[in-house]
Amino acid sequence: VEGLADGDELNDLQQAFSRHHGLQCGFCTPGFLMLAEA
């Protein structure tokens, strides 16, 4: 998940997760992001 962002700039998927409230506690979020990225 650390490889998704470009420095401090979140990638489009990370931004969409934030916009759509696709995370709450955030514990599972890295796994979902990587699964979705693939």
PDB file of all heavy atoms in Angstrom:
ATOM      1  N   VAL A   1       0.826  -1.197   0.000  1.00  0.00           N
ATOM      2  CA  VAL A   1       0.000   0.000   0.000  1.00  0.00           C
ATOM      3  C   VAL A   1       0.871   1.262   0.000  1.00  0.00           C
ATOM      4  O   VAL A   1       0.486   2.288  -0.560  1.00  0.00           O
ATOM      5  CB  VAL A   1      -1.005  -0.012   1.180  1.00  0.00           C
ATOM      6  CG1 VAL A   1      -0.302   0.146   2.523  1.00  0.00           C
ATOM      7  CG2 VAL A   1      -2.111   1.000   0.968  1.00  0.00           C
ATOM      8  N   GLU A   2       2.050   1.179   0.595  1.00  0.00           N
ATOM      9  CA  GLU A   2       2.950   2.343   0.596  1.00  0.00           C
ATOM     10  C   GLU A   2       3.397   2.710  -0.818  1.00  0.00           C
ATOM     11  O   GLU A   2       3.812   3.836  -1.061  1.00  0.00           O
ATOM     12  CB  GLU A   2       4.192   2.070   1.461  1.00  0.00           C
ATOM     13  CG  GLU A   2       3.920   2.018   2.949  1.00  0.00           C
ATOM     14  CD  GLU A   2       3.581   0.629   3.470  1.00  0.00           C
ATOM     15  OE1 GLU A   2       3.332  -0.289   2.647  1.00  0.00           O
ATOM     16  OE2 GLU A   2       3.557   0.453   4.695  1.00  0.00           O
ATOM     17  N   GLY A   3       3.310   1.762  -1.743  1.00  0.00           N
ATOM     18  CA  GLY A   3       3.724   2.002  -3.124  1.00  0.00           C
ATOM     19  C   GLY A   3       2.639   2.589  -4.008  1.00  0.00           C
ATOM     20  O   GLY A   3       2.881   2.847  -5.192  1.00  0.00           O
ATOM     21  N   LEU A   4       1.449   2.818  -3.472  1.00  0.00           N
ATOM     22  CA  LEU A   4       0.370   3.387  -4.285  1.00  0.00           C
ATOM     23  C   LEU A   4       0.503   4.891  -4.454  1.00  0.00           C
ATOM     24  O   LEU A   4       0.347   5.410  -5.549  1.00  0.00           O
ATOM     25  CB  LEU A   4      -0.996   3.072  -3.674  1.00  0.00           C
ATOM     26  CG  LEU A   4      -1.449   1.616  -3.696  1.00  0.00           C
ATOM     27  CD1 LEU A   4      -2.832   1.486  -3.065  1.00  0.00           C
ATOM     28  CD2 LEU A   4      -1.444   1.059  -5.109  1.00  0.00           C
ATOM     29  N   ALA A   5       0.757   5.586  -3.371  1.00  0.00           N
ATOM     30  CA  ALA A   5       0.839   7.043  -3.411  1.00  0.00           C
ATOM     31  C   ALA A   5       2.134   7.479  -4.077  1.00  0.00           C
ATOM     32  O   ALA A   5       3.120   6.755  -4.110  1.00  0.00           O
ATOM     33  CB  ALA A   5       0.765   7.617  -1.997  1.00  0.00           C
ATOM     34  N   ASP A   6       2.093   8.690  -4.621  1.00  0.00           N
ATOM     35  CA  ASP A   6       3.290   9.311  -5.192  1.00  0.00           C
ATOM     36  C   ASP A   6       3.721  10.392  -4.199  1.00  0.00           C
ATOM     37  O   ASP A   6       3.210  11.510  -4.240  1.00  0.00           O
ATOM     38  CB  ASP A   6       2.971   9.900  -6.560  1.00  0.00           C
ATOM     39  CG  ASP A   6       4.183  10.498  -7.250  1.00  0.00           C
ATOM     40  OD1 ASP A   6       5.320  10.268  -6.785  1.00  0.00           O
ATOM     41  OD2 ASP A   6       3.997  11.205  -8.254  1.00  0.00           O
ATOM     42  N   GLY A   7       4.606  10.011  -3.285  1.00  0.00           N
ATOM     43  CA  GLY A   7       4.979  10.931  -2.207  1.00  0.00           C
ATOM     44  C   GLY A   7       3.778  11.138  -1.302  1.00  0.00           C
ATOM     45  O   GLY A   7       3.188  10.187  -0.803  1.00  0.00           O
ATOM     46  N   ASP A   8       3.383  12.390  -1.138  1.00  0.00           N
ATOM     47  CA  ASP A   8       2.221  12.715  -0.315  1.00  0.00           C
ATOM     48  C   ASP A   8       0.922  12.719  -1.115  1.00  0.00           C
ATOM     49  O   ASP A   8      -0.152  12.909  -0.549  1.00  0.00           O
ATOM     50  CB  ASP A   8       2.404  14.085   0.352  1.00  0.00           C
ATOM     51  CG  ASP A   8       3.475  14.068   1.423  1.00  0.00           C
ATOM     52  OD1 ASP A   8       3.752  12.978   1.965  1.00  0.00           O
ATOM     53  OD2 ASP A   8       4.029  15.147   1.725  1.00  0.00           O
ATOM     54  N   GLU A   9       1.020  12.521  -2.424  1.00  0.00           N
ATOM     55  CA  GLU A   9      -0.155  12.542  -3.304  1.00  0.00           C
ATOM     56  C   GLU A   9      -0.764  11.152  -3.408  1.00  0.00           C
ATOM     57  O   GLU A   9      -0.162  10.229  -3.956  1.00  0.00           O
ATOM     58  CB  GLU A   9       0.255  13.039  -4.696  1.00  0.00           C
ATOM     59  CG  GLU A   9      -0.873  13.140  -5.681  1.00  0.00           C
ATOM     60  CD  GLU A   9      -1.825  14.291  -5.389  1.00  0.00           C
ATOM     61  OE1 GLU A   9      -1.389  15.282  -4.769  1.00  0.00           O
ATOM     62  OE2 GLU A   9      -2.994  14.187  -5.774  1.00  0.00           O
ATOM     63  N   LEU A  10      -1.970  10.994  -2.849  1.00  0.00           N
ATOM     64  CA  LEU A  10      -2.667   9.709  -2.921  1.00  0.00           C
ATOM     65  C   LEU A  10      -3.018   9.392  -4.371  1.00  0.00           C
ATOM     66  O   LEU A  10      -3.308  10.297  -5.157  1.00  0.00           O
ATOM     67  CB  LEU A  10      -3.944   9.742  -2.084  1.00  0.00           C
ATOM     68  CG  LEU A  10      -3.783   9.975  -0.590  1.00  0.00           C
ATOM     69  CD1 LEU A  10      -5.152  10.031   0.086  1.00  0.00           C
ATOM     70  CD2 LEU A  10      -2.912   8.914   0.040  1.00  0.00           C
ATOM     71  N   ASN A  11      -3.018   8.105  -4.713  1.00  0.00           N
ATOM     72  CA  ASN A  11      -3.403   7.762  -6.085  1.00  0.00           C
ATOM     73  C   ASN A  11      -4.922   7.852  -6.221  1.00  0.00           C
ATOM     74  O   ASN A  11      -5.650   8.085  -5.247  1.00  0.00           O
ATOM     75  CB  ASN A  11      -2.830   6.398  -6.511  1.00  0.00           C
ATOM     76  CG  ASN A  11      -3.633   5.198  -6.066  1.00  0.00           C
ATOM     77  OD1 ASN A  11      -4.514   5.278  -5.220  1.00  0.00           O
ATOM     78  ND2 ASN A  11      -3.314   4.054  -6.634  1.00  0.00           N
ATOM     79  N   ASP A  12      -5.414   7.669  -7.427  1.00  0.00           N
ATOM     80  CA  ASP A  12      -6.841   7.847  -7.691  1.00  0.00           C
ATOM     81  C   ASP A  12      -7.715   6.890  -6.889  1.00  0.00           C
ATOM     82  O   ASP A  12      -8.793   7.258  -6.429  1.00  0.00           O
ATOM     83  CB  ASP A  12      -7.137   7.734  -9.185  1.00  0.00           C
ATOM     84  CG  ASP A  12      -6.704   6.406  -9.806  1.00  0.00           C
ATOM     85  OD1 ASP A  12      -5.917   5.650  -9.192  1.00  0.00           O
ATOM     86  OD2 ASP A  12      -7.142   6.127 -10.944  1.00  0.00           O
ATOM     87  N   LEU A  13      -7.255   5.675  -6.669  1.00  0.00           N
ATOM     88  CA  LEU A  13      -8.028   4.705  -5.912  1.00  0.00           C
ATOM     89  C   LEU A  13      -8.116   5.107  -4.435  1.00  0.00           C
ATOM     90  O   LEU A  13      -9.189   5.058  -3.831  1.00  0.00           O
ATOM     91  CB  LEU A  13      -7.413   3.311  -6.058  1.00  0.00           C
ATOM     92  CG  LEU A  13      -8.149   2.162  -5.386  1.00  0.00           C
ATOM     93  CD1 LEU A  13      -9.576   2.024  -5.925  1.00  0.00           C
ATOM     94  CD2 LEU A  13      -7.378   0.866  -5.586  1.00  0.00           C
ATOM     95  N   GLN A  14      -7.006   5.531  -3.873  1.00  0.00           N
ATOM     96  CA  GLN A  14      -7.004   5.985  -2.483  1.00  0.00           C
ATOM     97  C   GLN A  14      -7.925   7.195  -2.305  1.00  0.00           C
ATOM     98  O   GLN A  14      -8.669   7.281  -1.324  1.00  0.00           O
ATOM     99  CB  GLN A  14      -5.580   6.332  -2.039  1.00  0.00           C
ATOM    100  CG  GLN A  14      -4.671   5.119  -1.928  1.00  0.00           C
ATOM    101  CD  GLN A  14      -3.220   5.514  -1.759  1.00  0.00           C
ATOM    102  OE1 GLN A  14      -2.674   6.295  -2.542  1.00  0.00           O
ATOM    103  NE2 GLN A  14      -2.590   4.968  -0.726  1.00  0.00           N
ATOM    104  N   GLN A  15      -7.865   8.113  -3.251  1.00  0.00           N
ATOM    105  CA  GLN A  15      -8.733   9.293  -3.192  1.00  0.00           C
ATOM    106  C   GLN A  15     -10.207   8.900  -3.280  1.00  0.00           C
ATOM    107  O   GLN A  15     -11.049   9.444  -2.561  1.00  0.00           O
ATOM    108  CB  GLN A  15      -8.380  10.275  -4.304  1.00  0.00           C
ATOM    109  CG  GLN A  15      -7.032  10.932  -4.119  1.00  0.00           C
ATOM    110  CD  GLN A  15      -6.655  11.806  -5.302  1.00  0.00           C
ATOM    111  OE1 GLN A  15      -7.507  12.325  -6.011  1.00  0.00           O
ATOM    112  NE2 GLN A  15      -5.360  11.968  -5.525  1.00  0.00           N
ATOM    113  N   ALA A  16     -10.519   7.926  -4.146  1.00  0.00           N
ATOM    114  CA  ALA A  16     -11.908   7.473  -4.295  1.00  0.00           C
ATOM    115  C   ALA A  16     -12.398   6.784  -3.021  1.00  0.00           C
ATOM    116  O   ALA A  16     -13.554   6.958  -2.628  1.00  0.00           O
ATOM    117  CB  ALA A  16     -12.034   6.538  -5.492  1.00  0.00           C
ATOM    118  N   PHE A  17     -11.540   6.009  -2.375  1.00  0.00           N
ATOM    119  CA  PHE A  17     -11.921   5.383  -1.101  1.00  0.00           C
ATOM    120  C   PHE A  17     -12.304   6.464  -0.093  1.00  0.00           C
ATOM    121  O   PHE A  17     -13.292   6.314   0.625  1.00  0.00           O
ATOM    122  CB  PHE A  17     -10.776   4.534  -0.547  1.00  0.00           C
ATOM    123  CG  PHE A  17     -10.867   3.067  -0.852  1.00  0.00           C
ATOM    124  CD1 PHE A  17     -10.832   2.608  -2.160  1.00  0.00           C
ATOM    125  CD2 PHE A  17     -10.987   2.129   0.163  1.00  0.00           C
ATOM    126  CE1 PHE A  17     -10.907   1.257  -2.449  1.00  0.00           C
ATOM    127  CE2 PHE A  17     -11.071   0.776  -0.106  1.00  0.00           C
ATOM    128  CZ  PHE A  17     -11.036   0.334  -1.419  1.00  0.00           C
ATOM    129  N   SER A  18     -11.543   7.529  -0.059  1.00  0.00           N
ATOM    130  CA  SER A  18     -11.841   8.622   0.865  1.00  0.00           C
ATOM    131  C   SER A  18     -13.150   9.315   0.481  1.00  0.00           C
ATOM    132  O   SER A  18     -14.013   9.543   1.333  1.00  0.00           O
ATOM    133  CB  SER A  18     -10.689   9.626   0.857  1.00  0.00           C
ATOM    134  OG  SER A  18     -10.967  10.712   1.700  1.00  0.00           O
ATOM    135  N   ARG A  19     -13.304   9.628  -0.786  1.00  0.00           N
ATOM    136  CA  ARG A  19     -14.507  10.321  -1.273  1.00  0.00           C
ATOM    137  C   ARG A  19     -15.791   9.521  -1.012  1.00  0.00           C
ATOM    138  O   ARG A  19     -16.824  10.085  -0.676  1.00  0.00           O
ATOM    139  CB  ARG A  19     -14.359  10.559  -2.783  1.00  0.00           C
ATOM    140  CG  ARG A  19     -14.614  11.921  -3.243  1.00  0.00           C
ATOM    141  CD  ARG A  19     -14.505  12.165  -4.739  1.00  0.00           C
ATOM    142  NE  ARG A  19     -14.043  11.129  -5.615  1.00  0.00           N
ATOM    143  CZ  ARG A  19     -12.759  10.918  -5.953  1.00  0.00           C
ATOM    144  NH1 ARG A  19     -11.806  11.683  -5.449  1.00  0.00           N
ATOM    145  NH2 ARG A  19     -12.428   9.945  -6.786  1.00  0.00           N
ATOM    146  N   HIS A  20     -15.712   8.208  -1.181  1.00  0.00           N
ATOM    147  CA  HIS A  20     -16.894   7.354  -1.041  1.00  0.00           C
ATOM    148  C   HIS A  20     -17.006   6.719   0.347  1.00  0.00           C
ATOM    149  O   HIS A  20     -17.829   5.823   0.543  1.00  0.00           O
ATOM    150  CB  HIS A  20     -16.887   6.256  -2.114  1.00  0.00           C
ATOM    151  CG  HIS A  20     -17.130   6.795  -3.480  1.00  0.00           C
ATOM    152  ND1 HIS A  20     -18.391   7.099  -3.945  1.00  0.00           N
ATOM    153  CD2 HIS A  20     -16.273   7.102  -4.484  1.00  0.00           C
ATOM    154  CE1 HIS A  20     -18.301   7.556  -5.174  1.00  0.00           C
ATOM    155  NE2 HIS A  20     -17.021   7.575  -5.517  1.00  0.00           N
ATOM    156  N   HIS A  21     -16.183   7.173   1.269  1.00  0.00           N
ATOM    157  CA  HIS A  21     -16.194   6.640   2.636  1.00  0.00           C
ATOM    158  C   HIS A  21     -16.033   5.119   2.622  1.00  0.00           C
ATOM    159  O   HIS A  21     -16.720   4.397   3.328  1.00  0.00           O
ATOM    160  CB  HIS A  21     -17.462   7.056   3.394  1.00  0.00           C
ATOM    161  CG  HIS A  21     -17.696   8.526   3.360  1.00  0.00           C
ATOM    162  ND1 HIS A  21     -16.941   9.417   4.090  1.00  0.00           N
ATOM    163  CD2 HIS A  21     -18.568   9.275   2.631  1.00  0.00           C
ATOM    164  CE1 HIS A  21     -17.340  10.643   3.830  1.00  0.00           C
ATOM    165  NE2 HIS A  21     -18.321  10.588   2.955  1.00  0.00           N
ATOM    166  N   GLY A  22     -15.061   4.660   1.808  1.00  0.00           N
ATOM    167  CA  GLY A  22     -14.783   3.234   1.679  1.00  0.00           C
ATOM    168  C   GLY A  22     -13.873   2.737   2.774  1.00  0.00           C
ATOM    169  O   GLY A  22     -13.249   1.684   2.632  1.00  0.00           O
ATOM    170  N   LEU A  23     -13.761   3.488   3.829  1.00  0.00           N
ATOM    171  CA  LEU A  23     -12.963   3.072   4.974  1.00  0.00           C
ATOM    172  C   LEU A  23     -13.581   3.667   6.218  1.00  0.00           C
ATOM    173  O   LEU A  23     -14.257   4.676   6.152  1.00  0.00           O
ATOM    174  CB  LEU A  23     -11.507   3.535   4.835  1.00  0.00           C
ATOM    175  CG  LEU A  23     -11.312   5.045   4.693  1.00  0.00           C
ATOM    176  CD1 LEU A  23     -10.374   5.553   5.766  1.00  0.00           C
ATOM    177  CD2 LEU A  23     -10.764   5.345   3.312  1.00  0.00           C
ATOM    178  N   GLN A  24     -13.386   2.992   7.290  1.00  0.00           N
ATOM    179  CA  GLN A  24     -13.874   3.525   8.553  1.00  0.00           C
ATOM    180  C   GLN A  24     -12.732   3.437   9.562  1.00  0.00           C
ATOM    181  O   GLN A  24     -12.016   4.391   9.754  1.00  0.00           O
ATOM    182  CB  GLN A  24     -15.119   2.789   9.020  1.00  0.00           C
ATOM    183  CG  GLN A  24     -15.900   3.563  10.038  1.00  0.00           C
ATOM    184  CD  GLN A  24     -17.327   3.058  10.164  1.00  0.00           C
ATOM    185  OE1 GLN A  24     -17.777   2.212   9.425  1.00  0.00           O
ATOM    186  NE2 GLN A  24     -18.038   3.597  11.117  1.00  0.00           N
ATOM    187  N   CYS A  25     -12.510   2.276  10.154  1.00  0.00           N
ATOM    188  CA  CYS A  25     -11.394   2.182  11.101  1.00  0.00           C
ATOM    189  C   CYS A  25     -10.066   2.143  10.352  1.00  0.00           C
ATOM    190  O   CYS A  25      -9.038   2.515  10.884  1.00  0.00           O
ATOM    191  CB  CYS A  25     -11.542   0.974  12.017  1.00  0.00           C
ATOM    192  SG  CYS A  25     -11.029  -0.602  11.311  1.00  0.00           S
ATOM    193  N   GLY A  26     -10.073   1.672   9.105  1.00  0.00           N
ATOM    194  CA  GLY A  26      -8.874   1.667   8.273  1.00  0.00           C
ATOM    195  C   GLY A  26      -8.019   0.420   8.368  1.00  0.00           C
ATOM    196  O   GLY A  26      -7.057   0.285   7.619  1.00  0.00           O
ATOM    197  N   PHE A  27      -8.342  -0.494   9.260  1.00  0.00           N
ATOM    198  CA  PHE A  27      -7.493  -1.666   9.428  1.00  0.00           C
ATOM    199  C   PHE A  27      -7.455  -2.534   8.173  1.00  0.00           C
ATOM    200  O   PHE A  27      -6.399  -2.988   7.753  1.00  0.00           O
ATOM    201  CB  PHE A  27      -7.940  -2.504  10.634  1.00  0.00           C
ATOM    202  CG  PHE A  27      -6.971  -3.593  10.958  1.00  0.00           C
ATOM    203  CD1 PHE A  27      -5.828  -3.318  11.698  1.00  0.00           C
ATOM    204  CD2 PHE A  27      -7.162  -4.876  10.489  1.00  0.00           C
ATOM    205  CE1 PHE A  27      -4.900  -4.313  11.969  1.00  0.00           C
ATOM    206  CE2 PHE A  27      -6.246  -5.876  10.765  1.00  0.00           C
ATOM    207  CZ  PHE A  27      -5.110  -5.597  11.503  1.00  0.00           C
ATOM    208  N   CYS A  28      -8.589  -2.749   7.550  1.00  0.00           N
ATOM    209  CA  CYS A  28      -8.650  -3.608   6.364  1.00  0.00           C
ATOM    210  C   CYS A  28      -8.327  -2.858   5.082  1.00  0.00           C
ATOM    211  O   CYS A  28      -8.105  -3.474   4.032  1.00  0.00           O
ATOM    212  CB  CYS A  28     -10.040  -4.235   6.240  1.00  0.00           C
ATOM    213  SG  CYS A  28     -11.347  -3.012   5.933  1.00  0.00           S
ATOM    214  N   THR A  29      -8.299  -1.547   5.126  1.00  0.00           N
ATOM    215  CA  THR A  29      -8.186  -0.714   3.929  1.00  0.00           C
ATOM    216  C   THR A  29      -6.968  -1.029   3.067  1.00  0.00           C
ATOM    217  O   THR A  29      -7.111  -1.140   1.845  1.00  0.00           O
ATOM    218  CB  THR A  29      -8.221   0.776   4.314  1.00  0.00           C
ATOM    219  OG1 THR A  29      -9.403   1.018   5.084  1.00  0.00           O
ATOM    220  CG2 THR A  29      -8.207   1.665   3.086  1.00  0.00           C
ATOM    221  N   PRO A  30      -5.767  -1.206   3.617  1.00  0.00           N
ATOM    222  CA  PRO A  30      -4.626  -1.517   2.743  1.00  0.00           C
ATOM    223  C   PRO A  30      -4.843  -2.789   1.920  1.00  0.00           C
ATOM    224  O   PRO A  30      -4.517  -2.825   0.727  1.00  0.00           O
ATOM    225  CB  PRO A  30      -3.459  -1.679   3.715  1.00  0.00           C
ATOM    226  CG  PRO A  30      -3.835  -0.843   4.891  1.00  0.00           C
ATOM    227  CD  PRO A  30      -5.328  -1.009   5.012  1.00  0.00           C
ATOM    228  N   GLY A  31      -5.420  -3.803   2.535  1.00  0.00           N
ATOM    229  CA  GLY A  31      -5.685  -5.037   1.808  1.00  0.00           C
ATOM    230  C   GLY A  31      -6.697  -4.838   0.699  1.00  0.00           C
ATOM    231  O   GLY A  31      -6.541  -5.364  -0.410  1.00  0.00           O
ATOM    232  N   PHE A  32      -7.745  -4.071   0.970  1.00  0.00           N
ATOM    233  CA  PHE A  32      -8.743  -3.775  -0.060  1.00  0.00           C
ATOM    234  C   PHE A  32      -8.134  -2.961  -1.193  1.00  0.00           C
ATOM    235  O   PHE A  32      -8.417  -3.205  -2.366  1.00  0.00           O
ATOM    236  CB  PHE A  32      -9.935  -3.008   0.528  1.00  0.00           C
ATOM    237  CG  PHE A  32     -10.993  -3.883   1.100  1.00  0.00           C
ATOM    238  CD1 PHE A  32     -11.136  -3.998   2.472  1.00  0.00           C
ATOM    239  CD2 PHE A  32     -11.859  -4.593   0.288  1.00  0.00           C
ATOM    240  CE1 PHE A  32     -12.117  -4.800   3.019  1.00  0.00           C
ATOM    241  CE2 PHE A  32     -12.850  -5.398   0.826  1.00  0.00           C
ATOM    242  CZ  PHE A  32     -12.978  -5.508   2.193  1.00  0.00           C
ATOM    243  N   LEU A  33      -7.314  -1.984  -0.850  1.00  0.00           N
ATOM    244  CA  LEU A  33      -6.676  -1.165  -1.881  1.00  0.00           C
ATOM    245  C   LEU A  33      -5.808  -2.011  -2.804  1.00  0.00           C
ATOM    246  O   LEU A  33      -5.858  -1.855  -4.029  1.00  0.00           O
ATOM    247  CB  LEU A  33      -5.844  -0.051  -1.243  1.00  0.00           C
ATOM    248  CG  LEU A  33      -6.631   1.104  -0.627  1.00  0.00           C
ATOM    249  CD1 LEU A  33      -5.727   1.952   0.262  1.00  0.00           C
ATOM    250  CD2 LEU A  33      -7.295   1.949  -1.709  1.00  0.00           C
ATOM    251  N   MET A  34      -5.042  -2.930  -2.240  1.00  0.00           N
ATOM    252  CA  MET A  34      -4.156  -3.752  -3.064  1.00  0.00           C
ATOM    253  C   MET A  34      -4.949  -4.749  -3.908  1.00  0.00           C
ATOM    254  O   MET A  34      -4.633  -4.985  -5.068  1.00  0.00           O
ATOM    255  CB  MET A  34      -3.106  -4.453  -2.191  1.00  0.00           C
ATOM    256  CG  MET A  34      -2.205  -3.484  -1.438  1.00  0.00           C
ATOM    257  SD  MET A  34      -1.575  -2.077  -2.395  1.00  0.00           S
ATOM    258  CE  MET A  34      -0.536  -2.911  -3.582  1.00  0.00           C
ATOM    259  N   LEU A  35      -5.992  -5.331  -3.332  1.00  0.00           N
ATOM    260  CA  LEU A  35      -6.859  -6.231  -4.083  1.00  0.00           C
ATOM    261  C   LEU A  35      -7.506  -5.483  -5.245  1.00  0.00           C
ATOM    262  O   LEU A  35      -7.516  -5.962  -6.390  1.00  0.00           O
ATOM    263  CB  LEU A  35      -7.930  -6.806  -3.152  1.00  0.00           C
ATOM    264  CG  LEU A  35      -8.942  -7.768  -3.772  1.00  0.00           C
ATOM    265  CD1 LEU A  35      -8.252  -9.057  -4.209  1.00  0.00           C
ATOM    266  CD2 LEU A  35     -10.035  -8.073  -2.755  1.00  0.00           C
ATOM    267  N   ALA A  36      -8.033  -4.296  -4.970  1.00  0.00           N
ATOM    268  CA  ALA A  36      -8.681  -3.488  -6.005  1.00  0.00           C
ATOM    269  C   ALA A  36      -7.685  -3.020  -7.055  1.00  0.00           C
ATOM    270  O   ALA A  36      -7.992  -3.003  -8.254  1.00  0.00           O
ATOM    271  CB  ALA A  36      -9.392  -2.293  -5.366  1.00  0.00           C
ATOM    272  N   GLU A  37      -6.484  -2.664  -6.628  1.00  0.00           N
ATOM    273  CA  GLU A  37      -5.462  -2.205  -7.585  1.00  0.00           C
ATOM    274  C   GLU A  37      -5.121  -3.321  -8.580  1.00  0.00           C
ATOM    275  O   GLU A  37      -4.982  -3.074  -9.777  1.00  0.00           O
ATOM    276  CB  GLU A  37      -4.208  -1.730  -6.847  1.00  0.00           C
ATOM    277  CG  GLU A  37      -3.205  -1.033  -7.717  1.00  0.00           C
ATOM    278  CD  GLU A  37      -3.690   0.261  -8.342  1.00  0.00           C
ATOM    279  OE1 GLU A  37      -4.471   1.007  -7.720  1.00  0.00           O
ATOM    280  OE2 GLU A  37      -3.280   0.540  -9.493  1.00  0.00           O
ATOM    281  N   ALA A  38      -5.015  -4.550  -8.100  1.00  0.00           N
ATOM    282  CA  ALA A  38      -4.747  -5.680  -8.997  1.00  0.00           C
ATOM    283  C   ALA A  38      -5.915  -5.885  -9.948  1.00  0.00           C
ATOM    284  O   ALA A  38      -5.717  -6.128 -11.147  1.00  0.00           O
ATOM    285  CB  ALA A  38      -4.490  -6.948  -8.186  1.00  0.00           C
TER     286      ALA A  38
END
